[in-house]
Amino acid sequence: MKPYERLDAWRVCHDLVLAVYRVTDSYPARELYGLTSQTRRSAASIATNIAEGSAKRGRREFRRFLDISLGSLSELSYLLLLARDLGLLEQDAWEEVSALRERAGLLVWRLYRSVGT
């Protein structure tokens, strides 16, 4: 098992990426290189930065990558809201993925705080 796979924050973020890929499958083809791509990249960035940061030497470096993950969570939050408001994402799908995003955000924030400086 890789070090990041032991982290609850990474596991929930990985689940979030999978959920984002599922919900963005229904976006129109015209959004493939726009909102679909941007939303998927921001979601993948969250888990990717946790994985990469966990392989770095030192807590300070890991914390920097967690900070990037927190930024990507905020970006994803807005992109999902935008998709909902544009009518690309149904309310129930938005609520489901948003709840998962909130859970992921809480765990990443707790990990960030626990790593310290």
C-alpha atoms as a PDB file:
ATOM      1  CA  MET A   1       0.000   0.000   0.000  1.00  0.00           C
ATOM      2  CA  LYS A   2       1.303   3.441  -0.937  1.00  0.00           C
ATOM      3  CA  PRO A   3       1.567   5.981   1.908  1.00  0.00           C
ATOM      4  CA  TYR A   4      -1.266   8.146   0.568  1.00  0.00           C
ATOM      5  CA  GLU A   5      -3.625   5.159   0.364  1.00  0.00           C
ATOM      6  CA  ARG A   6      -3.595   4.986   4.156  1.00  0.00           C
ATOM      7  CA  LEU A   7      -5.024   8.490   4.464  1.00  0.00           C
ATOM      8  CA  ASP A   8      -8.783   8.810   4.950  1.00  0.00           C
ATOM      9  CA  ALA A   9      -8.633  12.210   3.250  1.00  0.00           C
ATOM     10  CA  TRP A  10      -7.129  10.701   0.104  1.00  0.00           C
ATOM     11  CA  ARG A  11      -9.656   7.847   0.008  1.00  0.00           C
ATOM     12  CA  VAL A  12     -12.630  10.216   0.223  1.00  0.00           C
ATOM     13  CA  CYS A  13     -11.038  12.515  -2.355  1.00  0.00           C
ATOM     14  CA  HIS A  14     -10.562   9.543  -4.676  1.00  0.00           C
ATOM     15  CA  ASP A  15     -14.253   8.706  -4.252  1.00  0.00           C
ATOM     16  CA  LEU A  16     -15.018  12.339  -5.064  1.00  0.00           C
ATOM     17  CA  VAL A  17     -13.042  12.139  -8.314  1.00  0.00           C
ATOM     18  CA  LEU A  18     -14.971   9.026  -9.321  1.00  0.00           C
ATOM     19  CA  ALA A  19     -18.283  10.745  -8.519  1.00  0.00           C
ATOM     20  CA  VAL A  20     -17.292  13.837 -10.496  1.00  0.00           C
ATOM     21  CA  TYR A  21     -16.432  11.711 -13.519  1.00  0.00           C
ATOM     22  CA  ARG A  22     -19.837  10.030 -13.269  1.00  0.00           C
ATOM     23  CA  VAL A  23     -21.841  13.244 -13.040  1.00  0.00           C
ATOM     24  CA  THR A  24     -19.881  15.017 -15.774  1.00  0.00           C
ATOM     25  CA  ASP A  25     -20.580  12.137 -18.181  1.00  0.00           C
ATOM     26  CA  SER A  26     -24.017  13.682 -18.675  1.00  0.00           C
ATOM     27  CA  TYR A  27     -22.661  17.125 -19.622  1.00  0.00           C
ATOM     28  CA  PRO A  28     -23.222  18.038 -23.274  1.00  0.00           C
ATOM     29  CA  ALA A  29     -20.495  17.295 -25.809  1.00  0.00           C
ATOM     30  CA  ARG A  30     -19.997  21.034 -26.401  1.00  0.00           C
ATOM     31  CA  GLU A  31     -18.618  21.239 -22.827  1.00  0.00           C
ATOM     32  CA  LEU A  32     -16.045  18.452 -23.259  1.00  0.00           C
ATOM     33  CA  TYR A  33     -13.122  20.887 -23.514  1.00  0.00           C
ATOM     34  CA  GLY A  34     -14.719  23.455 -21.239  1.00  0.00           C
ATOM     35  CA  LEU A  35     -16.651  22.782 -18.085  1.00  0.00           C
ATOM     36  CA  THR A  36     -16.313  18.984 -18.231  1.00  0.00           C
ATOM     37  CA  SER A  37     -12.542  19.088 -18.539  1.00  0.00           C
ATOM     38  CA  GLN A  38     -12.074  21.858 -15.960  1.00  0.00           C
ATOM     39  CA  THR A  39     -14.310  20.138 -13.412  1.00  0.00           C
ATOM     40  CA  ARG A  40     -12.557  16.801 -13.817  1.00  0.00           C
ATOM     41  CA  ARG A  41      -9.106  18.394 -13.602  1.00  0.00           C
ATOM     42  CA  SER A  42      -9.954  20.260 -10.410  1.00  0.00           C
ATOM     43  CA  ALA A  43     -11.359  17.103  -8.796  1.00  0.00           C
ATOM     44  CA  ALA A  44      -8.370  14.992  -9.816  1.00  0.00           C
ATOM     45  CA  SER A  45      -6.015  17.702  -8.559  1.00  0.00           C
ATOM     46  CA  ILE A  46      -7.324  17.299  -5.028  1.00  0.00           C
ATOM     47  CA  ALA A  47      -6.396  13.618  -4.681  1.00  0.00           C
ATOM     48  CA  THR A  48      -3.291  13.968  -6.860  1.00  0.00           C
ATOM     49  CA  ASN A  49      -1.782  16.657  -4.654  1.00  0.00           C
ATOM     50  CA  ILE A  50      -2.367  14.588  -1.538  1.00  0.00           C
ATOM     51  CA  ALA A  51      -0.636  11.629  -3.178  1.00  0.00           C
ATOM     52  CA  GLU A  52       2.275  13.719  -4.417  1.00  0.00           C
ATOM     53  CA  GLY A  53       2.658  15.645  -1.174  1.00  0.00           C
ATOM     54  CA  SER A  54       2.729  12.480   0.905  1.00  0.00           C
ATOM     55  CA  ALA A  55       5.825  11.381  -1.012  1.00  0.00           C
ATOM     56  CA  LYS A  56       7.740  14.583  -0.278  1.00  0.00           C
ATOM     57  CA  ARG A  57      10.242  14.932   2.489  1.00  0.00           C
ATOM     58  CA  GLY A  58       9.082  16.934   5.433  1.00  0.00           C
ATOM     59  CA  ARG A  59       5.847  18.163   6.871  1.00  0.00           C
ATOM     60  CA  ARG A  60       6.201  21.654   5.448  1.00  0.00           C
ATOM     61  CA  GLU A  61       6.364  20.349   1.892  1.00  0.00           C
ATOM     62  CA  PHE A  62       3.406  18.015   2.460  1.00  0.00           C
ATOM     63  CA  ARG A  63       1.405  20.896   3.912  1.00  0.00           C
ATOM     64  CA  ARG A  64       2.067  22.966   0.786  1.00  0.00           C
ATOM     65  CA  PHE A  65       0.497  20.232  -1.358  1.00  0.00           C
ATOM     66  CA  LEU A  66      -2.465  19.996   1.015  1.00  0.00           C
ATOM     67  CA  ASP A  67      -2.912  23.741   0.630  1.00  0.00           C
ATOM     68  CA  ILE A  68      -3.145  23.249  -3.144  1.00  0.00           C
ATOM     69  CA  SER A  69      -5.723  20.500  -2.566  1.00  0.00           C
ATOM     70  CA  LEU A  70      -7.806  22.908  -0.500  1.00  0.00           C
ATOM     71  CA  GLY A  71      -7.689  25.427  -3.333  1.00  0.00           C
ATOM     72  CA  SER A  72      -8.808  22.773  -5.808  1.00  0.00           C
ATOM     73  CA  LEU A  73     -11.699  21.858  -3.515  1.00  0.00           C
ATOM     74  CA  SER A  74     -12.850  25.479  -3.611  1.00  0.00           C
ATOM     75  CA  GLU A  75     -12.513  25.561  -7.395  1.00  0.00           C
ATOM     76  CA  LEU A  76     -14.521  22.353  -7.692  1.00  0.00           C
ATOM     77  CA  SER A  77     -17.209  23.769  -5.427  1.00  0.00           C
ATOM     78  CA  TYR A  78     -17.743  26.697  -7.759  1.00  0.00           C
ATOM     79  CA  LEU A  79     -17.632  24.603 -10.947  1.00  0.00           C
ATOM     80  CA  LEU A  80     -20.320  22.272  -9.607  1.00  0.00           C
ATOM     81  CA  LEU A  81     -22.467  25.237  -8.588  1.00  0.00           C
ATOM     82  CA  LEU A  82     -22.023  26.757 -12.044  1.00  0.00           C
ATOM     83  CA  ALA A  83     -22.997  23.472 -13.723  1.00  0.00           C
ATOM     84  CA  ARG A  84     -26.096  23.249 -11.556  1.00  0.00           C
ATOM     85  CA  ASP A  85     -27.104  26.828 -12.273  1.00  0.00           C
ATOM     86  CA  LEU A  86     -26.560  26.319 -16.019  1.00  0.00           C
ATOM     87  CA  GLY A  87     -28.851  23.298 -15.888  1.00  0.00           C
ATOM     88  CA  LEU A  88     -26.076  20.818 -16.697  1.00  0.00           C
ATOM     89  CA  LEU A  89     -26.259  19.104 -13.327  1.00  0.00           C
ATOM     90  CA  GLU A  90     -29.525  17.962 -11.782  1.00  0.00           C
ATOM     91  CA  GLN A  91     -30.230  19.092  -8.218  1.00  0.00           C
ATOM     92  CA  ASP A  92     -30.071  15.572  -6.747  1.00  0.00           C
ATOM     93  CA  ALA A  93     -26.730  14.837  -8.443  1.00  0.00           C
ATOM     94  CA  TRP A  94     -25.428  18.209  -7.283  1.00  0.00           C
ATOM     95  CA  GLU A  95     -26.479  17.501  -3.695  1.00  0.00           C
ATOM     96  CA  GLU A  96     -24.831  14.069  -3.755  1.00  0.00           C
ATOM     97  CA  VAL A  97     -21.501  15.237  -5.137  1.00  0.00           C
ATOM     98  CA  SER A  98     -21.539  18.387  -2.996  1.00  0.00           C
ATOM     99  CA  ALA A  99     -21.983  16.339   0.171  1.00  0.00           C
ATOM    100  CA  LEU A 100     -19.011  14.218  -0.831  1.00  0.00           C
ATOM    101  CA  ARG A 101     -17.007  17.366  -1.608  1.00  0.00           C
ATOM    102  CA  GLU A 102     -17.842  18.789   1.819  1.00  0.00           C
ATOM    103  CA  ARG A 103     -16.716  15.557   3.502  1.00  0.00           C
ATOM    104  CA  ALA A 104     -13.495  15.566   1.475  1.00  0.00           C
ATOM    105  CA  GLY A 105     -12.899  19.204   2.363  1.00  0.00           C
ATOM    106  CA  LEU A 106     -13.324  18.542   6.051  1.00  0.00           C
ATOM    107  CA  LEU A 107     -10.855  15.649   5.986  1.00  0.00           C
ATOM    108  CA  VAL A 108      -8.265  17.527   3.934  1.00  0.00           C
ATOM    109  CA  TRP A 109      -8.583  20.530   6.253  1.00  0.00           C
ATOM    110  CA  ARG A 110      -8.102  18.315   9.313  1.00  0.00           C
ATOM    111  CA  LEU A 111      -5.075  16.688   7.713  1.00  0.00           C
ATOM    112  CA  TYR A 112      -3.670  20.113   6.826  1.00  0.00           C
ATOM    113  CA  ARG A 113      -4.056  21.283  10.421  1.00  0.00           C
ATOM    114  CA  SER A 114      -2.573  18.076  11.836  1.00  0.00           C
ATOM    115  CA  VAL A 115       0.518  18.309   9.652  1.00  0.00           C
ATOM    116  CA  GLY A 116       1.320  21.768  11.029  1.00  0.00           C
ATOM    117  CA  THR A 117       4.334  23.788   9.965  1.00  0.00           C
END
